[in-house]
């Protein structure tokens, strides 16, 4: 684990922006982990209530679903920070240093554009749910803006992390695709 931490630290250098984004991404990772722990605890409570006490559950299933989705979205920047997303580096490995750099610029620019579009429409969807006070069609009737908030927060932090990764390569703090010159 210490090796992973030193690798992550080395990709920020002394750049205040990169260090700040790294801190936000780490905080998002901790929040995501807390949501998963809460979902597991609620699931255990739901099992106890249903099968031991033989009572019905009202809010537990819905809460677990919202927490799992929220954990996934809020965890995006942390996974990007650790380069934990699935990738195939066969093409970057076979390219020259210069071609690898330009391929990185193109792929990161496209990724940033796509995530920005998702953020834009996700924010609009969240705002509509907040403005119109939408509630779920369940007995619990949760106000939907609360779980929907994970869309703009998660994708906003993910976008910030993608921009930080691009800046780190442009400033030569990090190597494209994390591949050192071979």
N, C-alpha and C. Protein backbone atom coordinates (compact mmCIF):
# COMPACT_ATOMS: atom_id res chain seq x y z
N UNK A 1 0.83 -1.20 0.00
CA UNK A 1 0.00 0.00 0.00
C UNK A 1 0.86 1.25 0.00
N UNK A 2 1.99 1.19 0.68
CA UNK A 2 2.86 2.36 0.73
C UNK A 2 3.41 2.67 -0.65
N UNK A 3 3.67 1.63 -1.44
CA UNK A 3 4.15 1.84 -2.80
C UNK A 3 3.12 2.57 -3.64
N UNK A 4 1.85 2.19 -3.49
CA UNK A 4 0.78 2.85 -4.23
C UNK A 4 0.67 4.31 -3.82
N UNK A 5 0.79 4.58 -2.53
CA UNK A 5 0.69 5.95 -2.03
C UNK A 5 1.81 6.83 -2.56
N UNK A 6 3.03 6.29 -2.61
CA UNK A 6 4.14 7.10 -3.10
C UNK A 6 4.02 7.35 -4.60
N UNK A 7 3.45 6.39 -5.33
CA UNK A 7 3.23 6.59 -6.77
C UNK A 7 2.21 7.70 -6.98
N UNK A 8 1.13 7.66 -6.21
CA UNK A 8 0.10 8.70 -6.34
C UNK A 8 0.66 10.06 -5.98
N UNK A 9 1.45 10.15 -4.92
CA UNK A 9 2.04 11.42 -4.51
C UNK A 9 3.00 11.95 -5.57
N UNK A 10 3.73 11.06 -6.20
CA UNK A 10 4.69 11.51 -7.20
C UNK A 10 4.01 12.11 -8.42
N UNK A 11 2.74 11.82 -8.64
CA UNK A 11 2.04 12.36 -9.80
C UNK A 11 1.45 13.73 -9.56
N UNK A 12 1.65 14.29 -8.37
CA UNK A 12 1.15 15.63 -8.11
C UNK A 12 2.28 16.65 -8.02
N UNK A 13 3.48 16.19 -7.72
CA UNK A 13 4.59 17.12 -7.57
C UNK A 13 4.28 18.11 -6.47
N UNK A 14 4.76 19.33 -6.62
CA UNK A 14 4.45 20.39 -5.67
C UNK A 14 3.35 21.31 -6.19
N UNK A 15 2.61 20.86 -7.19
CA UNK A 15 1.56 21.66 -7.79
C UNK A 15 0.34 21.69 -6.86
N UNK A 16 -0.04 22.88 -6.44
CA UNK A 16 -1.14 23.05 -5.49
C UNK A 16 -2.46 22.54 -6.06
N UNK A 17 -2.73 22.83 -7.34
CA UNK A 17 -3.96 22.37 -7.98
C UNK A 17 -4.03 20.85 -7.98
N UNK A 18 -2.95 20.19 -8.39
CA UNK A 18 -2.94 18.73 -8.46
C UNK A 18 -3.08 18.10 -7.08
N UNK A 19 -2.45 18.71 -6.09
CA UNK A 19 -2.56 18.18 -4.72
C UNK A 19 -3.97 18.38 -4.17
N UNK A 20 -4.59 19.51 -4.48
CA UNK A 20 -5.96 19.76 -4.04
C UNK A 20 -6.96 18.80 -4.66
N UNK A 21 -6.80 18.57 -5.97
CA UNK A 21 -7.69 17.62 -6.64
C UNK A 21 -7.47 16.21 -6.10
N UNK A 22 -6.21 15.86 -5.83
CA UNK A 22 -5.92 14.54 -5.26
C UNK A 22 -6.58 14.39 -3.89
N UNK A 23 -6.56 15.45 -3.10
CA UNK A 23 -7.20 15.40 -1.78
C UNK A 23 -8.72 15.24 -1.92
N UNK A 24 -9.33 15.98 -2.85
CA UNK A 24 -10.77 15.85 -3.08
C UNK A 24 -11.13 14.44 -3.55
N UNK A 25 -10.31 13.89 -4.45
CA UNK A 25 -10.57 12.54 -4.95
C UNK A 25 -10.44 11.51 -3.84
N UNK A 26 -9.47 11.70 -2.96
CA UNK A 26 -9.31 10.78 -1.83
C UNK A 26 -10.49 10.89 -0.88
N UNK A 27 -10.94 12.10 -0.62
CA UNK A 27 -12.13 12.30 0.22
C UNK A 27 -13.34 11.62 -0.40
N UNK A 28 -13.49 11.75 -1.72
CA UNK A 28 -14.60 11.09 -2.41
C UNK A 28 -14.49 9.57 -2.27
N UNK A 29 -13.28 9.04 -2.31
CA UNK A 29 -13.08 7.61 -2.12
C UNK A 29 -13.51 7.15 -0.73
N UNK A 30 -13.17 7.95 0.27
CA UNK A 30 -13.59 7.62 1.63
C UNK A 30 -15.10 7.68 1.79
N UNK A 31 -15.72 8.69 1.18
CA UNK A 31 -17.19 8.80 1.22
C UNK A 31 -17.84 7.61 0.51
N UNK A 32 -17.27 7.22 -0.60
CA UNK A 32 -17.78 6.07 -1.33
C UNK A 32 -17.68 4.80 -0.48
N UNK A 33 -16.55 4.61 0.17
CA UNK A 33 -16.38 3.45 1.04
C UNK A 33 -17.38 3.47 2.19
N UNK A 34 -17.63 4.65 2.75
CA UNK A 34 -18.60 4.77 3.84
C UNK A 34 -20.00 4.42 3.36
N UNK A 35 -20.34 4.80 2.13
CA UNK A 35 -21.65 4.45 1.59
C UNK A 35 -21.78 2.94 1.41
N UNK A 36 -20.71 2.28 1.00
CA UNK A 36 -20.75 0.82 0.85
C UNK A 36 -20.92 0.15 2.21
N UNK A 37 -20.20 0.63 3.21
CA UNK A 37 -20.32 0.08 4.57
C UNK A 37 -21.75 0.29 5.08
N UNK A 38 -22.31 1.47 4.84
CA UNK A 38 -23.69 1.74 5.28
C UNK A 38 -24.67 0.82 4.56
N UNK A 39 -24.46 0.59 3.27
CA UNK A 39 -25.35 -0.31 2.51
C UNK A 39 -25.28 -1.73 3.06
N UNK A 40 -24.09 -2.19 3.41
CA UNK A 40 -23.94 -3.53 3.99
C UNK A 40 -24.62 -3.60 5.35
N UNK A 41 -24.45 -2.58 6.18
CA UNK A 41 -25.08 -2.56 7.50
C UNK A 41 -26.60 -2.55 7.38
N UNK A 42 -27.12 -1.77 6.45
CA UNK A 42 -28.57 -1.71 6.25
C UNK A 42 -29.09 -3.05 5.73
N UNK A 43 -28.33 -3.69 4.86
CA UNK A 43 -28.72 -5.01 4.36
C UNK A 43 -28.79 -6.02 5.51
N UNK A 44 -27.81 -6.00 6.39
CA UNK A 44 -27.82 -6.90 7.55
C UNK A 44 -29.03 -6.62 8.45
N UNK A 45 -29.32 -5.35 8.67
CA UNK A 45 -30.48 -4.97 9.48
C UNK A 45 -31.76 -5.43 8.81
N UNK A 46 -31.83 -5.31 7.48
CA UNK A 46 -33.02 -5.72 6.74
C UNK A 46 -33.23 -7.23 6.86
N UNK A 47 -32.16 -7.99 6.76
CA UNK A 47 -32.26 -9.44 6.90
C UNK A 47 -32.75 -9.81 8.30
N UNK A 48 -32.22 -9.14 9.31
CA UNK A 48 -32.65 -9.40 10.69
C UNK A 48 -34.14 -9.09 10.86
N UNK A 49 -34.56 -7.94 10.37
CA UNK A 49 -35.96 -7.52 10.53
C UNK A 49 -36.90 -8.48 9.80
N UNK A 50 -36.52 -8.89 8.60
CA UNK A 50 -37.42 -9.74 7.81
C UNK A 50 -37.47 -11.18 8.28
N UNK A 51 -36.32 -11.75 8.60
CA UNK A 51 -36.30 -13.19 8.86
C UNK A 51 -36.26 -13.55 10.35
N UNK A 52 -35.81 -12.68 11.19
CA UNK A 52 -35.80 -12.97 12.62
C UNK A 52 -37.05 -12.39 13.29
N UNK A 53 -37.33 -11.13 13.02
CA UNK A 53 -38.50 -10.49 13.61
C UNK A 53 -39.77 -10.72 12.80
N UNK A 54 -39.62 -11.24 11.58
CA UNK A 54 -40.76 -11.52 10.69
C UNK A 54 -41.62 -10.28 10.45
N UNK A 55 -40.95 -9.15 10.24
CA UNK A 55 -41.64 -7.89 9.94
C UNK A 55 -41.28 -7.45 8.53
N UNK A 56 -42.08 -6.57 8.00
CA UNK A 56 -41.78 -6.07 6.66
C UNK A 56 -40.78 -4.91 6.74
N UNK A 57 -40.09 -4.71 5.65
CA UNK A 57 -39.16 -3.59 5.56
C UNK A 57 -39.76 -2.54 4.65
N UNK A 58 -39.49 -1.29 4.97
CA UNK A 58 -40.09 -0.20 4.22
C UNK A 58 -39.05 0.53 3.38
N UNK A 59 -37.96 0.89 3.99
CA UNK A 59 -37.01 1.79 3.36
C UNK A 59 -35.69 1.14 2.99
N UNK A 60 -35.40 -0.02 3.53
CA UNK A 60 -34.07 -0.59 3.44
C UNK A 60 -33.62 -0.91 2.01
N UNK A 61 -34.46 -1.57 1.23
CA UNK A 61 -34.05 -1.94 -0.13
C UNK A 61 -33.75 -0.70 -0.97
N UNK A 62 -34.61 0.27 -0.88
CA UNK A 62 -34.41 1.51 -1.65
C UNK A 62 -33.14 2.23 -1.20
N UNK A 63 -32.91 2.27 0.09
CA UNK A 63 -31.70 2.93 0.61
C UNK A 63 -30.44 2.23 0.13
N UNK A 64 -30.44 0.90 0.14
CA UNK A 64 -29.27 0.15 -0.31
C UNK A 64 -29.00 0.41 -1.79
N UNK A 65 -30.04 0.45 -2.59
CA UNK A 65 -29.86 0.71 -4.02
C UNK A 65 -29.28 2.10 -4.24
N UNK A 66 -29.84 3.10 -3.58
CA UNK A 66 -29.34 4.48 -3.73
C UNK A 66 -27.91 4.61 -3.22
N UNK A 67 -27.59 3.94 -2.12
CA UNK A 67 -26.22 4.00 -1.59
C UNK A 67 -25.22 3.33 -2.54
N UNK A 68 -25.61 2.21 -3.13
CA UNK A 68 -24.71 1.52 -4.06
C UNK A 68 -24.45 2.36 -5.30
N UNK A 69 -25.50 2.97 -5.82
CA UNK A 69 -25.33 3.84 -7.00
C UNK A 69 -24.51 5.07 -6.63
N UNK A 70 -24.81 5.67 -5.50
CA UNK A 70 -24.06 6.83 -5.04
C UNK A 70 -22.59 6.51 -4.82
N UNK A 71 -22.31 5.35 -4.22
CA UNK A 71 -20.92 4.94 -3.98
C UNK A 71 -20.18 4.77 -5.30
N UNK A 72 -20.86 4.23 -6.28
CA UNK A 72 -20.23 4.04 -7.60
C UNK A 72 -19.89 5.39 -8.23
N UNK A 73 -20.82 6.32 -8.21
CA UNK A 73 -20.60 7.62 -8.86
C UNK A 73 -19.61 8.49 -8.09
N UNK A 74 -19.74 8.52 -6.77
CA UNK A 74 -18.84 9.35 -5.97
C UNK A 74 -17.44 8.75 -5.95
N UNK A 75 -17.32 7.46 -6.15
CA UNK A 75 -16.02 6.80 -6.17
C UNK A 75 -15.26 6.95 -7.47
N UNK A 76 -15.90 7.47 -8.52
CA UNK A 76 -15.23 7.63 -9.82
C UNK A 76 -13.90 8.38 -9.75
N UNK A 77 -13.83 9.55 -9.11
CA UNK A 77 -12.56 10.28 -9.12
C UNK A 77 -11.44 9.55 -8.39
N UNK A 78 -11.78 8.83 -7.34
CA UNK A 78 -10.76 8.11 -6.59
C UNK A 78 -10.18 6.97 -7.42
N UNK A 79 -11.05 6.26 -8.12
CA UNK A 79 -10.58 5.17 -8.97
C UNK A 79 -9.73 5.72 -10.11
N UNK A 80 -10.13 6.86 -10.67
CA UNK A 80 -9.32 7.50 -11.71
C UNK A 80 -7.98 7.93 -11.15
N UNK A 81 -7.98 8.44 -9.95
CA UNK A 81 -6.73 8.88 -9.31
C UNK A 81 -5.74 7.74 -9.16
N UNK A 82 -6.26 6.56 -8.84
CA UNK A 82 -5.41 5.38 -8.67
C UNK A 82 -5.19 4.62 -9.97
N UNK A 83 -5.75 5.14 -11.06
CA UNK A 83 -5.71 4.45 -12.36
C UNK A 83 -6.28 3.04 -12.24
N UNK A 84 -7.41 2.96 -11.59
CA UNK A 84 -8.05 1.67 -11.36
C UNK A 84 -9.07 1.27 -12.39
N UNK A 85 -9.39 2.16 -13.33
CA UNK A 85 -10.34 1.81 -14.37
C UNK A 85 -9.71 0.83 -15.34
N UNK A 86 -10.55 0.02 -15.96
CA UNK A 86 -10.06 -0.96 -16.92
C UNK A 86 -9.44 -0.22 -18.11
N UNK A 87 -8.24 -0.63 -18.49
CA UNK A 87 -7.62 -0.02 -19.66
C UNK A 87 -6.84 -1.08 -20.42
N UNK A 88 -6.62 -0.80 -21.66
CA UNK A 88 -5.82 -1.66 -22.51
C UNK A 88 -4.68 -0.80 -23.02
N UNK A 89 -3.46 -1.13 -22.64
CA UNK A 89 -2.32 -0.30 -23.01
C UNK A 89 -1.47 -0.90 -24.12
N UNK A 90 -2.04 -1.82 -24.88
CA UNK A 90 -1.29 -2.43 -25.97
C UNK A 90 -0.88 -1.39 -27.02
N UNK A 91 -1.81 -0.54 -27.40
CA UNK A 91 -1.49 0.48 -28.42
C UNK A 91 -0.51 1.52 -27.87
N UNK A 92 -0.75 2.11 -26.68
CA UNK A 92 0.24 3.06 -26.17
C UNK A 92 1.63 2.46 -26.00
N UNK A 93 1.72 1.21 -25.61
CA UNK A 93 3.02 0.56 -25.45
C UNK A 93 3.76 0.43 -26.78
N UNK A 94 3.01 0.24 -27.85
CA UNK A 94 3.65 0.04 -29.15
C UNK A 94 3.98 1.35 -29.87
N UNK A 95 3.51 2.47 -29.33
CA UNK A 95 3.75 3.76 -29.98
C UNK A 95 5.06 4.38 -29.50
N UNK A 96 5.56 5.27 -30.32
CA UNK A 96 6.74 6.03 -29.92
C UNK A 96 6.33 7.04 -28.83
N UNK A 97 7.32 7.63 -28.20
CA UNK A 97 7.06 8.58 -27.11
C UNK A 97 6.17 9.74 -27.58
N UNK A 98 6.49 10.31 -28.73
CA UNK A 98 5.71 11.44 -29.24
C UNK A 98 4.29 11.06 -29.61
N UNK A 99 4.13 9.93 -30.29
CA UNK A 99 2.79 9.47 -30.67
C UNK A 99 1.96 9.14 -29.45
N UNK A 100 2.61 8.55 -28.44
CA UNK A 100 1.91 8.22 -27.18
C UNK A 100 1.40 9.50 -26.53
N UNK A 101 2.20 10.55 -26.53
CA UNK A 101 1.82 11.83 -25.94
C UNK A 101 0.58 12.40 -26.64
N UNK A 102 0.59 12.41 -27.97
CA UNK A 102 -0.55 12.97 -28.71
C UNK A 102 -1.78 12.10 -28.60
N UNK A 103 -1.60 10.78 -28.53
CA UNK A 103 -2.74 9.90 -28.32
C UNK A 103 -3.36 10.18 -26.95
N UNK A 104 -2.52 10.41 -25.95
CA UNK A 104 -3.01 10.73 -24.61
C UNK A 104 -3.81 12.03 -24.63
N UNK A 105 -3.29 13.04 -25.32
CA UNK A 105 -4.00 14.31 -25.40
C UNK A 105 -5.37 14.14 -26.03
N UNK A 106 -5.44 13.36 -27.09
CA UNK A 106 -6.72 13.14 -27.78
C UNK A 106 -7.69 12.36 -26.89
N UNK A 107 -7.22 11.26 -26.31
CA UNK A 107 -8.12 10.44 -25.50
C UNK A 107 -8.58 11.17 -24.24
N UNK A 108 -7.69 11.92 -23.61
CA UNK A 108 -8.10 12.66 -22.42
C UNK A 108 -9.04 13.81 -22.77
N UNK A 109 -8.79 14.46 -23.89
CA UNK A 109 -9.70 15.53 -24.32
C UNK A 109 -11.09 14.99 -24.62
N UNK A 110 -11.16 13.84 -25.28
CA UNK A 110 -12.46 13.22 -25.55
C UNK A 110 -13.14 12.79 -24.25
N UNK A 111 -12.37 12.22 -23.35
CA UNK A 111 -12.93 11.79 -22.06
C UNK A 111 -13.47 12.99 -21.29
N UNK A 112 -12.72 14.07 -21.27
CA UNK A 112 -13.15 15.28 -20.57
C UNK A 112 -14.43 15.82 -21.21
N UNK A 113 -14.51 15.83 -22.53
CA UNK A 113 -15.70 16.33 -23.22
C UNK A 113 -16.92 15.46 -22.90
N UNK A 114 -16.76 14.15 -22.94
CA UNK A 114 -17.88 13.24 -22.67
C UNK A 114 -18.36 13.38 -21.23
N UNK A 115 -17.43 13.42 -20.28
CA UNK A 115 -17.81 13.56 -18.87
C UNK A 115 -18.45 14.92 -18.62
N UNK A 116 -17.99 15.96 -19.31
CA UNK A 116 -18.60 17.29 -19.17
C UNK A 116 -20.05 17.28 -19.66
N UNK A 117 -20.32 16.58 -20.74
CA UNK A 117 -21.70 16.47 -21.24
C UNK A 117 -22.57 15.72 -20.24
N UNK A 118 -22.05 14.62 -19.70
CA UNK A 118 -22.81 13.86 -18.69
C UNK A 118 -23.06 14.72 -17.46
N UNK A 119 -22.05 15.48 -17.04
CA UNK A 119 -22.21 16.38 -15.90
C UNK A 119 -23.29 17.43 -16.17
N UNK A 120 -23.26 18.00 -17.35
CA UNK A 120 -24.24 19.04 -17.71
C UNK A 120 -25.66 18.50 -17.62
N UNK A 121 -25.92 17.36 -18.26
CA UNK A 121 -27.26 16.80 -18.24
C UNK A 121 -27.61 16.18 -16.88
N UNK A 122 -26.62 15.65 -16.19
CA UNK A 122 -26.86 15.11 -14.85
C UNK A 122 -27.26 16.21 -13.87
N UNK A 123 -26.57 17.36 -13.98
CA UNK A 123 -26.93 18.50 -13.13
C UNK A 123 -28.36 18.96 -13.45
N UNK A 124 -28.69 19.01 -14.73
CA UNK A 124 -30.05 19.41 -15.12
C UNK A 124 -31.10 18.47 -14.56
N UNK A 125 -30.82 17.18 -14.60
CA UNK A 125 -31.76 16.19 -14.07
C UNK A 125 -31.90 16.34 -12.56
N UNK A 126 -30.77 16.51 -11.86
CA UNK A 126 -30.83 16.71 -10.42
C UNK A 126 -31.61 17.98 -10.08
N UNK A 127 -31.34 19.06 -10.79
CA UNK A 127 -31.99 20.34 -10.50
C UNK A 127 -33.50 20.25 -10.74
N UNK A 128 -33.90 19.53 -11.78
CA UNK A 128 -35.32 19.34 -12.06
C UNK A 128 -36.00 18.57 -10.93
N UNK A 129 -35.34 17.53 -10.45
CA UNK A 129 -35.90 16.75 -9.33
C UNK A 129 -36.00 17.61 -8.07
N UNK A 130 -35.01 18.48 -7.85
CA UNK A 130 -35.03 19.36 -6.69
C UNK A 130 -36.12 20.42 -6.82
N UNK A 131 -36.18 21.04 -7.98
CA UNK A 131 -37.13 22.12 -8.22
C UNK A 131 -38.57 21.65 -8.14
N UNK A 132 -38.85 20.47 -8.67
CA UNK A 132 -40.22 19.94 -8.71
C UNK A 132 -40.54 19.04 -7.52
N UNK A 133 -39.58 18.92 -6.60
CA UNK A 133 -39.77 18.12 -5.39
C UNK A 133 -40.24 16.70 -5.69
N UNK A 134 -39.57 16.05 -6.65
CA UNK A 134 -39.92 14.68 -7.00
C UNK A 134 -39.66 13.76 -5.82
N UNK A 135 -40.55 12.79 -5.67
CA UNK A 135 -40.41 11.77 -4.64
C UNK A 135 -40.56 10.40 -5.28
N UNK A 136 -39.92 9.40 -4.67
CA UNK A 136 -40.03 8.05 -5.21
C UNK A 136 -41.45 7.53 -5.01
N UNK A 137 -41.85 6.60 -5.86
CA UNK A 137 -43.20 6.03 -5.79
C UNK A 137 -43.23 4.82 -4.86
N UNK A 138 -42.61 4.96 -3.71
CA UNK A 138 -42.60 3.88 -2.74
C UNK A 138 -43.22 4.37 -1.44
N UNK A 139 -43.36 3.47 -0.50
CA UNK A 139 -43.92 3.83 0.80
C UNK A 139 -43.02 4.84 1.50
N UNK A 140 -41.72 4.68 1.33
CA UNK A 140 -40.76 5.58 1.96
C UNK A 140 -40.87 6.99 1.38
N UNK A 141 -41.04 7.11 0.08
CA UNK A 141 -41.23 8.39 -0.59
C UNK A 141 -40.06 9.34 -0.45
N UNK A 142 -38.86 8.84 -0.65
CA UNK A 142 -37.67 9.68 -0.50
C UNK A 142 -37.67 10.78 -1.56
N UNK A 143 -37.23 11.97 -1.15
CA UNK A 143 -37.08 13.08 -2.11
C UNK A 143 -35.92 12.71 -3.04
N UNK A 144 -36.19 12.62 -4.32
CA UNK A 144 -35.22 12.07 -5.27
C UNK A 144 -34.02 12.97 -5.52
N UNK A 145 -34.11 14.23 -5.18
CA UNK A 145 -32.93 15.08 -5.39
C UNK A 145 -31.76 14.63 -4.52
N UNK A 146 -32.06 13.96 -3.41
CA UNK A 146 -30.99 13.52 -2.51
C UNK A 146 -30.13 12.44 -3.17
N UNK A 147 -30.70 11.32 -3.63
CA UNK A 147 -29.84 10.35 -4.32
C UNK A 147 -29.33 10.84 -5.67
N UNK A 148 -30.12 11.66 -6.35
CA UNK A 148 -29.69 12.18 -7.66
C UNK A 148 -28.51 13.13 -7.52
N UNK A 149 -28.27 13.66 -6.34
CA UNK A 149 -27.14 14.57 -6.13
C UNK A 149 -25.80 13.88 -6.41
N UNK A 150 -25.78 12.56 -6.31
CA UNK A 150 -24.54 11.83 -6.59
C UNK A 150 -24.13 11.94 -8.06
N UNK A 151 -25.06 12.27 -8.94
CA UNK A 151 -24.71 12.40 -10.37
C UNK A 151 -23.83 13.63 -10.59
N UNK A 152 -24.28 14.84 -10.25
CA UNK A 152 -23.39 15.98 -10.49
C UNK A 152 -22.15 15.98 -9.60
N UNK A 153 -22.27 15.51 -8.37
CA UNK A 153 -21.10 15.48 -7.49
C UNK A 153 -20.07 14.49 -8.02
N UNK A 154 -20.50 13.28 -8.33
CA UNK A 154 -19.58 12.25 -8.82
C UNK A 154 -18.93 12.62 -10.13
N UNK A 155 -19.74 13.04 -11.09
CA UNK A 155 -19.17 13.39 -12.39
C UNK A 155 -18.40 14.70 -12.36
N UNK A 156 -18.79 15.63 -11.47
CA UNK A 156 -18.03 16.86 -11.33
C UNK A 156 -16.63 16.60 -10.79
N UNK A 157 -16.53 15.76 -9.77
CA UNK A 157 -15.22 15.42 -9.23
C UNK A 157 -14.42 14.56 -10.21
N UNK A 158 -15.11 13.69 -10.94
CA UNK A 158 -14.44 12.87 -11.96
C UNK A 158 -13.86 13.76 -13.05
N UNK A 159 -14.62 14.76 -13.48
CA UNK A 159 -14.14 15.72 -14.48
C UNK A 159 -12.92 16.47 -13.96
N UNK A 160 -12.98 16.90 -12.72
CA UNK A 160 -11.85 17.61 -12.12
C UNK A 160 -10.60 16.72 -12.08
N UNK A 161 -10.77 15.45 -11.75
CA UNK A 161 -9.64 14.53 -11.71
C UNK A 161 -9.08 14.28 -13.11
N UNK A 162 -9.94 14.17 -14.11
CA UNK A 162 -9.45 14.00 -15.49
C UNK A 162 -8.65 15.22 -15.94
N UNK A 163 -9.14 16.41 -15.59
CA UNK A 163 -8.42 17.64 -15.94
C UNK A 163 -7.07 17.67 -15.22
N UNK A 164 -7.05 17.27 -13.95
CA UNK A 164 -5.79 17.24 -13.21
C UNK A 164 -4.81 16.25 -13.82
N UNK A 165 -5.30 15.11 -14.27
CA UNK A 165 -4.42 14.13 -14.92
C UNK A 165 -3.84 14.70 -16.20
N UNK A 166 -4.65 15.42 -16.96
CA UNK A 166 -4.17 16.05 -18.19
C UNK A 166 -3.14 17.13 -17.88
N UNK A 167 -3.42 17.94 -16.88
CA UNK A 167 -2.48 19.00 -16.48
C UNK A 167 -1.15 18.40 -16.03
N UNK A 168 -1.20 17.29 -15.30
CA UNK A 168 0.03 16.65 -14.83
C UNK A 168 0.89 16.19 -16.00
N UNK A 169 0.28 15.72 -17.06
CA UNK A 169 1.05 15.30 -18.24
C UNK A 169 1.56 16.52 -18.99
N UNK A 170 0.72 17.55 -19.13
CA UNK A 170 1.15 18.76 -19.84
C UNK A 170 2.32 19.44 -19.13
N UNK A 171 2.32 19.39 -17.80
CA UNK A 171 3.41 20.00 -17.02
C UNK A 171 4.60 19.05 -16.84
N UNK A 172 4.50 17.88 -17.43
CA UNK A 172 5.57 16.87 -17.38
C UNK A 172 5.81 16.34 -15.96
N UNK A 173 4.77 16.38 -15.13
CA UNK A 173 4.83 15.80 -13.80
C UNK A 173 4.54 14.30 -13.88
N UNK A 174 3.75 13.92 -14.85
CA UNK A 174 3.37 12.52 -15.04
C UNK A 174 3.59 12.16 -16.51
N UNK A 175 3.69 10.87 -16.77
CA UNK A 175 3.88 10.37 -18.13
C UNK A 175 2.53 9.99 -18.74
N UNK A 176 2.37 10.14 -20.05
CA UNK A 176 1.11 9.73 -20.68
C UNK A 176 0.80 8.25 -20.40
N UNK A 177 -0.45 7.98 -20.01
CA UNK A 177 -0.91 6.64 -19.68
C UNK A 177 -0.13 6.04 -18.51
N UNK A 178 0.65 6.83 -17.81
CA UNK A 178 1.46 6.33 -16.70
C UNK A 178 2.59 5.44 -17.14
N UNK A 179 2.92 5.48 -18.43
CA UNK A 179 3.98 4.63 -18.99
C UNK A 179 5.26 5.44 -19.11
N UNK A 180 6.25 5.02 -18.39
CA UNK A 180 7.56 5.67 -18.52
C UNK A 180 8.16 5.28 -19.87
N UNK A 181 9.07 6.08 -20.35
CA UNK A 181 9.72 5.78 -21.63
C UNK A 181 10.43 4.44 -21.57
N UNK A 182 10.12 3.61 -22.58
CA UNK A 182 10.74 2.29 -22.61
C UNK A 182 11.76 2.18 -23.71
